[in-house]
Amino acid sequence: MHHSKKHTTAAYRAGGFTLVEILVAVLVLSIGMLGIASLQATSLRHNNDASMQTRASYLASDMADRMRANASQASAYATTTSPSPASGKCLTSPCTPIELVENDLVEWNALAANTLPAGQGSIISIAGTGLFTITVRWDEARNGANGTGCDPDVSTDLRCLSITTQP
């Protein structure tokens, strides 16, 4: 019988060793799952950033197309004043080229505000070249940034996308 006790004690010790192996495996698996969750969160954040950049690119291209369609009034698009709300005249009846500029700016600014968080746009004429820089700004981090600069290292500045075009 004494011989049988040794095998029972050895079997008991082996069972405890297996439990330690299982606990280590669960710990390693848990760390791996945390890594996968972190990777997924980072992927979602970068996907959202790319989506906003795509929307901003679309908005800038949209304004460039509007300017090309009304090229005779291209310089009127580069204004620092906010246009008054459009009367909608351009949608229901013909309008003058300058009325079309105002209508385009109102629609474009509304589209920027509704498409991007804190979205806004501006158009600047590059003096003497016939070129225009169209800039779309938005609050990528959604932290209440309201600056007008485009420096990514300044937390109050908005994220910017700029294109230069010739109508």
N, C-alpha and C. Protein backbone atom coordinates (compact mmCIF):
# COMPACT_ATOMS: atom_id res chain seq x y z
N MET A 1 0.81 -1.18 0.00
CA MET A 1 0.00 0.00 0.00
C MET A 1 0.85 1.25 0.00
N HIS A 2 1.96 1.13 0.62
CA HIS A 2 2.86 2.28 0.67
C HIS A 2 3.20 2.73 -0.75
N HIS A 3 3.41 1.77 -1.64
CA HIS A 3 3.74 2.06 -3.02
C HIS A 3 2.62 2.85 -3.70
N SER A 4 1.39 2.58 -3.41
CA SER A 4 0.22 3.24 -3.98
C SER A 4 0.15 4.70 -3.54
N LYS A 5 0.55 5.05 -2.32
CA LYS A 5 0.54 6.42 -1.82
C LYS A 5 1.48 7.30 -2.62
N LYS A 6 2.63 6.77 -3.01
CA LYS A 6 3.57 7.56 -3.79
C LYS A 6 2.97 7.97 -5.12
N HIS A 7 2.26 7.07 -5.77
CA HIS A 7 1.64 7.41 -7.04
C HIS A 7 0.53 8.42 -6.86
N THR A 8 -0.23 8.33 -5.78
CA THR A 8 -1.31 9.26 -5.51
C THR A 8 -0.74 10.64 -5.24
N THR A 9 0.34 10.74 -4.46
CA THR A 9 0.97 12.02 -4.16
C THR A 9 1.55 12.64 -5.43
N ALA A 10 2.17 11.83 -6.27
CA ALA A 10 2.73 12.33 -7.53
C ALA A 10 1.62 12.82 -8.45
N ALA A 11 0.51 12.08 -8.49
CA ALA A 11 -0.62 12.49 -9.33
C ALA A 11 -1.20 13.81 -8.80
N TYR A 12 -1.26 13.98 -7.50
CA TYR A 12 -1.78 15.20 -6.89
C TYR A 12 -0.89 16.38 -7.25
N ARG A 13 0.42 16.18 -7.17
CA ARG A 13 1.36 17.25 -7.50
C ARG A 13 1.27 17.61 -8.98
N ALA A 14 1.12 16.65 -9.85
CA ALA A 14 1.01 16.90 -11.28
C ALA A 14 -0.27 17.68 -11.57
N GLY A 15 -1.34 17.39 -10.87
CA GLY A 15 -2.61 18.11 -11.05
C GLY A 15 -2.45 19.57 -10.65
N GLY A 16 -1.74 19.88 -9.62
CA GLY A 16 -1.49 21.26 -9.21
C GLY A 16 -0.63 21.99 -10.21
N PHE A 17 0.33 21.28 -10.78
CA PHE A 17 1.21 21.88 -11.78
C PHE A 17 0.40 22.24 -13.03
N THR A 18 -0.56 21.42 -13.41
CA THR A 18 -1.41 21.68 -14.57
C THR A 18 -2.27 22.91 -14.32
N LEU A 19 -2.75 23.11 -13.12
CA LEU A 19 -3.54 24.29 -12.78
C LEU A 19 -2.71 25.56 -12.93
N VAL A 20 -1.45 25.53 -12.53
CA VAL A 20 -0.56 26.68 -12.69
C VAL A 20 -0.37 26.97 -14.17
N GLU A 21 -0.18 25.92 -14.98
CA GLU A 21 -0.02 26.11 -16.42
C GLU A 21 -1.27 26.76 -17.02
N ILE A 22 -2.44 26.36 -16.60
CA ILE A 22 -3.69 26.92 -17.10
C ILE A 22 -3.80 28.40 -16.71
N LEU A 23 -3.45 28.73 -15.47
CA LEU A 23 -3.50 30.12 -15.03
C LEU A 23 -2.54 31.00 -15.83
N VAL A 24 -1.35 30.51 -16.12
CA VAL A 24 -0.38 31.26 -16.94
C VAL A 24 -0.93 31.43 -18.35
N ALA A 25 -1.53 30.38 -18.91
CA ALA A 25 -2.10 30.46 -20.25
C ALA A 25 -3.23 31.48 -20.30
N VAL A 26 -4.08 31.50 -19.29
CA VAL A 26 -5.17 32.48 -19.22
C VAL A 26 -4.61 33.90 -19.12
N LEU A 27 -3.55 34.09 -18.35
CA LEU A 27 -2.92 35.40 -18.23
C LEU A 27 -2.36 35.86 -19.58
N VAL A 28 -1.66 34.97 -20.28
CA VAL A 28 -1.09 35.31 -21.59
C VAL A 28 -2.22 35.62 -22.58
N LEU A 29 -3.27 34.82 -22.56
CA LEU A 29 -4.41 35.04 -23.45
C LEU A 29 -5.09 36.38 -23.14
N SER A 30 -5.21 36.72 -21.87
CA SER A 30 -5.82 37.99 -21.48
C SER A 30 -5.01 39.18 -21.98
N ILE A 31 -3.71 39.11 -21.86
CA ILE A 31 -2.84 40.19 -22.36
C ILE A 31 -2.98 40.30 -23.87
N GLY A 32 -3.06 39.19 -24.56
CA GLY A 32 -3.26 39.20 -26.01
C GLY A 32 -4.59 39.82 -26.39
N MET A 33 -5.64 39.52 -25.67
CA MET A 33 -6.96 40.09 -25.95
C MET A 33 -6.97 41.60 -25.70
N LEU A 34 -6.28 42.05 -24.66
CA LEU A 34 -6.17 43.50 -24.43
C LEU A 34 -5.44 44.18 -25.58
N GLY A 35 -4.42 43.53 -26.10
CA GLY A 35 -3.69 44.07 -27.25
C GLY A 35 -4.58 44.17 -28.48
N ILE A 36 -5.41 43.16 -28.71
CA ILE A 36 -6.33 43.16 -29.85
C ILE A 36 -7.37 44.27 -29.67
N ALA A 37 -7.88 44.46 -28.46
CA ALA A 37 -8.85 45.53 -28.21
C ALA A 37 -8.23 46.91 -28.45
N SER A 38 -7.00 47.08 -28.03
CA SER A 38 -6.30 48.35 -28.26
C SER A 38 -6.08 48.58 -29.75
N LEU A 39 -5.71 47.55 -30.47
CA LEU A 39 -5.52 47.65 -31.92
C LEU A 39 -6.83 48.01 -32.61
N GLN A 40 -7.92 47.43 -32.17
CA GLN A 40 -9.23 47.73 -32.75
C GLN A 40 -9.62 49.18 -32.49
N ALA A 41 -9.41 49.69 -31.29
CA ALA A 41 -9.73 51.08 -30.97
C ALA A 41 -8.89 52.04 -31.80
N THR A 42 -7.61 51.76 -31.95
CA THR A 42 -6.73 52.60 -32.76
C THR A 42 -7.18 52.57 -34.22
N SER A 43 -7.55 51.41 -34.71
CA SER A 43 -8.01 51.27 -36.09
C SER A 43 -9.28 52.09 -36.32
N LEU A 44 -10.21 52.05 -35.40
CA LEU A 44 -11.45 52.82 -35.52
C LEU A 44 -11.16 54.32 -35.53
N ARG A 45 -10.25 54.77 -34.67
CA ARG A 45 -9.91 56.19 -34.62
C ARG A 45 -9.30 56.65 -35.93
N HIS A 46 -8.35 55.87 -36.47
CA HIS A 46 -7.71 56.23 -37.73
C HIS A 46 -8.70 56.17 -38.90
N ASN A 47 -9.62 55.22 -38.86
CA ASN A 47 -10.64 55.13 -39.90
C ASN A 47 -11.54 56.36 -39.86
N ASN A 48 -11.90 56.82 -38.68
CA ASN A 48 -12.72 58.03 -38.53
C ASN A 48 -11.96 59.25 -39.05
N ASP A 49 -10.68 59.36 -38.72
CA ASP A 49 -9.85 60.47 -39.21
C ASP A 49 -9.80 60.47 -40.73
N ALA A 50 -9.61 59.31 -41.32
CA ALA A 50 -9.55 59.20 -42.78
C ALA A 50 -10.88 59.58 -43.41
N SER A 51 -11.97 59.20 -42.77
CA SER A 51 -13.29 59.56 -43.28
C SER A 51 -13.48 61.07 -43.28
N MET A 52 -13.06 61.74 -42.22
CA MET A 52 -13.18 63.20 -42.16
C MET A 52 -12.30 63.87 -43.22
N GLN A 53 -11.10 63.35 -43.44
CA GLN A 53 -10.22 63.91 -44.47
C GLN A 53 -10.83 63.73 -45.85
N THR A 54 -11.48 62.61 -46.08
CA THR A 54 -12.14 62.37 -47.36
C THR A 54 -13.28 63.35 -47.57
N ARG A 55 -14.07 63.59 -46.51
CA ARG A 55 -15.17 64.56 -46.60
C ARG A 55 -14.63 65.96 -46.88
N ALA A 56 -13.54 66.32 -46.20
CA ALA A 56 -12.95 67.64 -46.41
C ALA A 56 -12.44 67.78 -47.84
N SER A 57 -11.84 66.73 -48.37
CA SER A 57 -11.36 66.74 -49.75
C SER A 57 -12.53 66.92 -50.72
N TYR A 58 -13.62 66.24 -50.44
CA TYR A 58 -14.82 66.38 -51.27
C TYR A 58 -15.32 67.82 -51.24
N LEU A 59 -15.38 68.41 -50.04
CA LEU A 59 -15.87 69.79 -49.91
C LEU A 59 -14.98 70.78 -50.68
N ALA A 60 -13.68 70.62 -50.57
CA ALA A 60 -12.76 71.52 -51.27
C ALA A 60 -12.91 71.36 -52.79
N SER A 61 -13.03 70.13 -53.26
CA SER A 61 -13.23 69.89 -54.69
C SER A 61 -14.57 70.42 -55.16
N ASP A 62 -15.59 70.32 -54.32
CA ASP A 62 -16.91 70.84 -54.64
C ASP A 62 -16.84 72.35 -54.88
N MET A 63 -16.14 73.08 -54.02
CA MET A 63 -16.04 74.52 -54.20
C MET A 63 -15.22 74.85 -55.44
N ALA A 64 -14.17 74.10 -55.70
CA ALA A 64 -13.38 74.33 -56.91
C ALA A 64 -14.25 74.16 -58.15
N ASP A 65 -15.12 73.15 -58.15
CA ASP A 65 -16.04 72.94 -59.27
C ASP A 65 -17.04 74.08 -59.40
N ARG A 66 -17.55 74.57 -58.27
CA ARG A 66 -18.48 75.70 -58.30
C ARG A 66 -17.80 76.94 -58.88
N MET A 67 -16.55 77.14 -58.50
CA MET A 67 -15.81 78.30 -59.02
C MET A 67 -15.56 78.16 -60.52
N ARG A 68 -15.27 76.96 -60.98
CA ARG A 68 -15.05 76.74 -62.41
C ARG A 68 -16.33 76.98 -63.21
N ALA A 69 -17.46 76.60 -62.62
CA ALA A 69 -18.74 76.78 -63.30
C ALA A 69 -19.13 78.26 -63.40
N ASN A 70 -18.58 79.10 -62.55
CA ASN A 70 -18.87 80.54 -62.53
C ASN A 70 -17.55 81.31 -62.60
N ALA A 71 -16.69 80.92 -63.53
CA ALA A 71 -15.32 81.44 -63.61
C ALA A 71 -15.26 82.95 -63.78
N SER A 72 -16.25 83.56 -64.40
CA SER A 72 -16.22 85.01 -64.60
C SER A 72 -16.27 85.77 -63.27
N GLN A 73 -16.76 85.13 -62.22
CA GLN A 73 -16.86 85.76 -60.90
C GLN A 73 -15.96 85.09 -59.87
N ALA A 74 -14.91 84.40 -60.33
CA ALA A 74 -14.04 83.64 -59.42
C ALA A 74 -13.50 84.49 -58.28
N SER A 75 -13.11 85.72 -58.58
CA SER A 75 -12.53 86.56 -57.52
C SER A 75 -13.55 86.90 -56.43
N ALA A 76 -14.84 86.86 -56.75
CA ALA A 76 -15.88 87.16 -55.75
C ALA A 76 -15.99 86.03 -54.71
N TYR A 77 -15.52 84.84 -55.04
CA TYR A 77 -15.57 83.74 -54.09
C TYR A 77 -14.57 83.94 -52.95
N ALA A 78 -13.50 84.65 -53.24
CA ALA A 78 -12.47 84.88 -52.22
C ALA A 78 -12.87 86.10 -51.41
N THR A 79 -13.66 85.88 -50.40
CA THR A 79 -14.14 86.96 -49.56
C THR A 79 -13.93 86.61 -48.09
N THR A 80 -13.73 87.61 -47.28
CA THR A 80 -13.56 87.36 -45.85
C THR A 80 -14.86 87.58 -45.08
N THR A 81 -15.86 88.16 -45.73
CA THR A 81 -17.13 88.38 -45.06
C THR A 81 -18.04 87.19 -45.27
N SER A 82 -18.86 86.90 -44.31
CA SER A 82 -19.82 85.81 -44.44
C SER A 82 -21.01 86.28 -45.25
N PRO A 83 -21.40 85.54 -46.26
CA PRO A 83 -22.56 85.94 -47.04
C PRO A 83 -23.84 85.78 -46.24
N SER A 84 -24.84 86.58 -46.58
CA SER A 84 -26.13 86.45 -45.91
C SER A 84 -26.80 85.17 -46.38
N PRO A 85 -27.75 84.65 -45.62
CA PRO A 85 -28.41 83.42 -46.04
C PRO A 85 -29.04 83.57 -47.43
N ALA A 86 -28.90 82.53 -48.22
CA ALA A 86 -29.39 82.58 -49.60
C ALA A 86 -30.91 82.62 -49.62
N SER A 87 -31.42 83.32 -50.59
CA SER A 87 -32.88 83.42 -50.73
C SER A 87 -33.45 82.20 -51.43
N GLY A 88 -32.60 81.39 -52.02
CA GLY A 88 -33.06 80.22 -52.75
C GLY A 88 -33.43 80.55 -54.18
N LYS A 89 -33.21 81.79 -54.58
CA LYS A 89 -33.59 82.23 -55.92
C LYS A 89 -32.89 81.40 -56.99
N CYS A 90 -31.65 81.01 -56.76
CA CYS A 90 -30.89 80.27 -57.76
C CYS A 90 -31.43 78.86 -57.98
N LEU A 91 -32.22 78.36 -57.06
CA LEU A 91 -32.77 77.02 -57.21
C LEU A 91 -34.05 77.02 -58.02
N THR A 92 -34.79 78.12 -57.98
CA THR A 92 -36.09 78.15 -58.63
C THR A 92 -36.14 78.97 -59.91
N SER A 93 -35.21 79.89 -60.07
CA SER A 93 -35.19 80.72 -61.27
C SER A 93 -33.76 81.14 -61.56
N PRO A 94 -33.52 81.62 -62.76
CA PRO A 94 -32.15 82.05 -63.09
C PRO A 94 -31.70 83.18 -62.17
N CYS A 95 -30.41 83.20 -61.88
CA CYS A 95 -29.86 84.26 -61.05
C CYS A 95 -28.62 84.82 -61.72
N THR A 96 -28.20 85.96 -61.28
CA THR A 96 -27.02 86.58 -61.86
C THR A 96 -25.78 85.84 -61.37
N PRO A 97 -24.66 85.99 -62.06
CA PRO A 97 -23.42 85.33 -61.61
C PRO A 97 -23.02 85.73 -60.19
N ILE A 98 -23.21 86.97 -59.80
CA ILE A 98 -22.85 87.38 -58.43
C ILE A 98 -23.81 86.78 -57.40
N GLU A 99 -25.09 86.63 -57.76
CA GLU A 99 -26.05 85.96 -56.87
C GLU A 99 -25.68 84.48 -56.72
N LEU A 100 -25.18 83.90 -57.79
CA LEU A 100 -24.74 82.51 -57.74
C LEU A 100 -23.56 82.34 -56.80
N VAL A 101 -22.65 83.32 -56.78
CA VAL A 101 -21.51 83.28 -55.85
C VAL A 101 -22.02 83.23 -54.41
N GLU A 102 -22.94 84.14 -54.09
CA GLU A 102 -23.48 84.18 -52.72
C GLU A 102 -24.20 82.87 -52.39
N ASN A 103 -24.99 82.37 -53.32
CA ASN A 103 -25.70 81.12 -53.11
C ASN A 103 -24.72 79.97 -52.90
N ASP A 104 -23.68 79.90 -53.73
CA ASP A 104 -22.67 78.84 -53.60
C ASP A 104 -21.97 78.89 -52.24
N LEU A 105 -21.60 80.09 -51.81
CA LEU A 105 -20.89 80.23 -50.53
C LEU A 105 -21.78 79.82 -49.36
N VAL A 106 -23.05 80.22 -49.40
CA VAL A 106 -23.97 79.85 -48.31
C VAL A 106 -24.16 78.33 -48.29
N GLU A 107 -24.41 77.73 -49.45
CA GLU A 107 -24.60 76.28 -49.49
C GLU A 107 -23.35 75.54 -49.06
N TRP A 108 -22.19 76.00 -49.53
CA TRP A 108 -20.93 75.33 -49.21
C TRP A 108 -20.61 75.41 -47.72
N ASN A 109 -20.78 76.58 -47.12
CA ASN A 109 -20.52 76.72 -45.68
C ASN A 109 -21.49 75.88 -44.86
N ALA A 110 -22.75 75.82 -45.29
CA ALA A 110 -23.72 74.98 -44.58
C ALA A 110 -23.36 73.51 -44.71
N LEU A 111 -22.91 73.11 -45.89
CA LEU A 111 -22.50 71.73 -46.11
C LEU A 111 -21.30 71.38 -45.24
N ALA A 112 -20.34 72.30 -45.15
CA ALA A 112 -19.16 72.06 -44.30
C ALA A 112 -19.56 71.92 -42.83
N ALA A 113 -20.46 72.80 -42.38
CA ALA A 113 -20.89 72.75 -40.98
C ALA A 113 -21.67 71.48 -40.66
N ASN A 114 -22.41 70.96 -41.65
CA ASN A 114 -23.23 69.76 -41.42
C ASN A 114 -22.48 68.46 -41.69
N THR A 115 -21.35 68.53 -42.39
CA THR A 115 -20.61 67.32 -42.78
C THR A 115 -19.47 67.01 -41.82
N LEU A 116 -18.84 68.04 -41.29
CA LEU A 116 -17.67 67.86 -40.42
C LEU A 116 -17.93 68.51 -39.06
N PRO A 117 -17.34 67.97 -37.99
CA PRO A 117 -17.50 68.62 -36.68
C PRO A 117 -16.82 69.99 -36.68
N ALA A 118 -17.60 71.03 -36.41
CA ALA A 118 -17.14 72.42 -36.43
C ALA A 118 -16.55 72.77 -37.79
N GLY A 119 -17.13 72.21 -38.85
CA GLY A 119 -16.63 72.42 -40.21
C GLY A 119 -16.81 73.84 -40.69
N GLN A 120 -15.82 74.34 -41.38
CA GLN A 120 -15.86 75.68 -41.97
C GLN A 120 -14.91 75.73 -43.13
N GLY A 121 -15.14 76.69 -44.02
CA GLY A 121 -14.28 76.80 -45.18
C GLY A 121 -13.91 78.24 -45.46
N SER A 122 -12.82 78.41 -46.20
CA SER A 122 -12.40 79.75 -46.61
C SER A 122 -11.73 79.65 -47.97
N ILE A 123 -11.78 80.77 -48.69
CA ILE A 123 -11.18 80.84 -50.02
C ILE A 123 -10.33 82.10 -50.06
N ILE A 124 -9.08 81.95 -50.46
CA ILE A 124 -8.15 83.08 -50.51
C ILE A 124 -7.59 83.16 -51.93
N SER A 125 -7.57 84.37 -52.45
CA SER A 125 -6.98 84.60 -53.76
C SER A 125 -5.48 84.83 -53.60
N ILE A 126 -4.69 84.16 -54.42
CA ILE A 126 -3.24 84.38 -54.40
C ILE A 126 -2.97 85.51 -55.40
N ALA A 127 -2.64 86.67 -54.88
CA ALA A 127 -2.56 87.91 -55.65
C ALA A 127 -1.75 87.76 -56.94
N GLY A 128 -2.36 88.20 -58.03
CA GLY A 128 -1.67 88.29 -59.30
C GLY A 128 -1.41 86.98 -60.03
N THR A 129 -1.93 85.88 -59.51
CA THR A 129 -1.63 84.58 -60.14
C THR A 129 -2.86 83.94 -60.77
N GLY A 130 -4.03 84.37 -60.39
CA GLY A 130 -5.25 83.72 -60.86
C GLY A 130 -5.52 82.41 -60.13
N LEU A 131 -4.75 82.15 -59.08
CA LEU A 131 -4.92 80.93 -58.29
C LEU A 131 -5.67 81.25 -57.00
N PHE A 132 -6.38 80.25 -56.50
CA PHE A 132 -7.13 80.38 -55.27
C PHE A 132 -6.81 79.20 -54.37
N THR A 133 -6.67 79.47 -53.07
CA THR A 133 -6.48 78.41 -52.09
C THR A 133 -7.79 78.20 -51.34
N ILE A 134 -8.30 77.00 -51.43
CA ILE A 134 -9.54 76.63 -50.75
C ILE A 134 -9.14 75.80 -49.54
N THR A 135 -9.55 76.25 -48.35
CA THR A 135 -9.20 75.56 -47.11
C THR A 135 -10.46 75.11 -46.39
N VAL A 136 -10.47 73.87 -45.97
CA VAL A 136 -11.56 73.33 -45.16
C VAL A 136 -10.98 73.00 -43.79
N ARG A 137 -11.65 73.48 -42.73
CA ARG A 137 -11.19 73.24 -41.35
C ARG A 137 -12.25 72.47 -40.59
N TRP A 138 -11.79 71.64 -39.64
CA TRP A 138 -12.73 70.92 -38.78
C TRP A 138 -12.04 70.52 -37.49
N ASP A 139 -12.86 70.22 -36.48
CA ASP A 139 -12.37 69.82 -35.16
C ASP A 139 -12.24 68.30 -35.13
N GLU A 140 -11.09 67.81 -35.57
CA GLU A 140 -10.89 66.37 -35.69
C GLU A 140 -10.99 65.64 -34.35
N ALA A 141 -10.42 66.24 -33.31
CA ALA A 141 -10.43 65.59 -32.00
C ALA A 141 -11.75 65.80 -31.26
N ARG A 142 -12.61 66.66 -31.79
CA ARG A 142 -13.90 66.98 -31.17
C ARG A 142 -13.71 67.44 -29.73
N ASN A 143 -12.70 68.31 -29.55
CA ASN A 143 -12.40 68.80 -28.21
C ASN A 143 -12.76 70.27 -28.03
N GLY A 144 -13.56 70.80 -28.94
CA GLY A 144 -13.98 72.20 -28.83
C GLY A 144 -12.98 73.18 -29.41
N ALA A 145 -12.05 72.71 -30.21
CA ALA A 145 -11.07 73.61 -30.82
C ALA A 145 -11.79 74.61 -31.71
N ASN A 146 -11.31 75.85 -31.69
CA ASN A 146 -11.95 76.88 -32.50
C ASN A 146 -10.94 77.84 -33.12
N GLY A 147 -9.68 77.47 -33.13
CA GLY A 147 -8.65 78.32 -33.71
C GLY A 147 -8.77 78.38 -35.22
N THR A 148 -8.08 79.34 -35.80
CA THR A 148 -8.13 79.49 -37.25
C THR A 148 -6.85 79.03 -37.91
N GLY A 149 -5.88 78.62 -37.11
CA GLY A 149 -4.63 78.12 -37.66
C GLY A 149 -4.75 76.66 -38.02
N CYS A 150 -3.70 76.14 -38.62
CA CYS A 150 -3.70 74.74 -39.05
C CYS A 150 -2.56 73.95 -38.42
N ASP A 151 -2.02 74.43 -37.33
CA ASP A 151 -0.89 73.76 -36.69
C ASP A 151 -1.38 72.57 -35.87
N PRO A 152 -1.01 71.33 -36.26
CA PRO A 152 -1.49 70.16 -35.52
C PRO A 152 -0.94 70.06 -34.10
N ASP A 153 0.12 70.84 -33.80
CA ASP A 153 0.69 70.80 -32.45
C ASP A 153 0.01 71.75 -31.49
N VAL A 154 -0.89 72.60 -32.00
CA VAL A 154 -1.63 73.54 -31.15
C VAL A 154 -3.02 72.96 -30.94
N SER A 155 -3.36 72.66 -29.69
CA SER A 155 -4.62 71.96 -29.41
C SER A 155 -5.85 72.79 -29.74
N THR A 156 -5.73 74.12 -29.81
CA THR A 156 -6.90 74.94 -30.11
C THR A 156 -7.11 75.12 -31.61
N ASP A 157 -6.14 74.73 -32.43
CA ASP A 157 -6.28 74.86 -33.87
C ASP A 157 -7.09 73.71 -34.45
N LEU A 158 -7.78 74.00 -35.53
CA LEU A 158 -8.56 72.99 -36.22
C LEU A 158 -7.67 72.24 -37.21
N ARG A 159 -8.11 71.07 -37.60
CA ARG A 159 -7.43 70.30 -38.64
C ARG A 159 -7.78 70.93 -39.97
N CYS A 160 -6.85 71.02 -40.89
CA CYS A 160 -7.07 71.70 -42.16
C CYS A 160 -6.70 70.82 -43.35
N LEU A 161 -7.41 71.08 -44.44
CA LEU A 161 -7.07 70.52 -45.73
C LEU A 161 -7.18 71.66 -46.73
N SER A 162 -6.12 71.90 -47.49
CA SER A 162 -6.10 73.00 -48.45
C SER A 162 -5.76 72.49 -49.84
N ILE A 163 -6.43 73.07 -50.82
CA ILE A 163 -6.08 72.81 -52.21
C ILE A 163 -5.92 74.15 -52.90
N THR A 164 -5.07 74.19 -53.90
CA THR A 164 -4.91 75.40 -54.70
C THR A 164 -5.41 75.08 -56.09
N THR A 165 -6.25 75.96 -56.63
CA THR A 165 -6.87 75.70 -57.91
C THR A 165 -6.91 76.95 -58.77
N GLN A 166 -7.09 76.75 -60.05
CA GLN A 166 -7.26 77.85 -60.99
C GLN A 166 -8.58 77.58 -61.73
N PRO A 167 -9.57 78.45 -61.51
CA PRO A 167 -10.88 78.22 -62.16
C PRO A 167 -10.80 78.35 -63.67
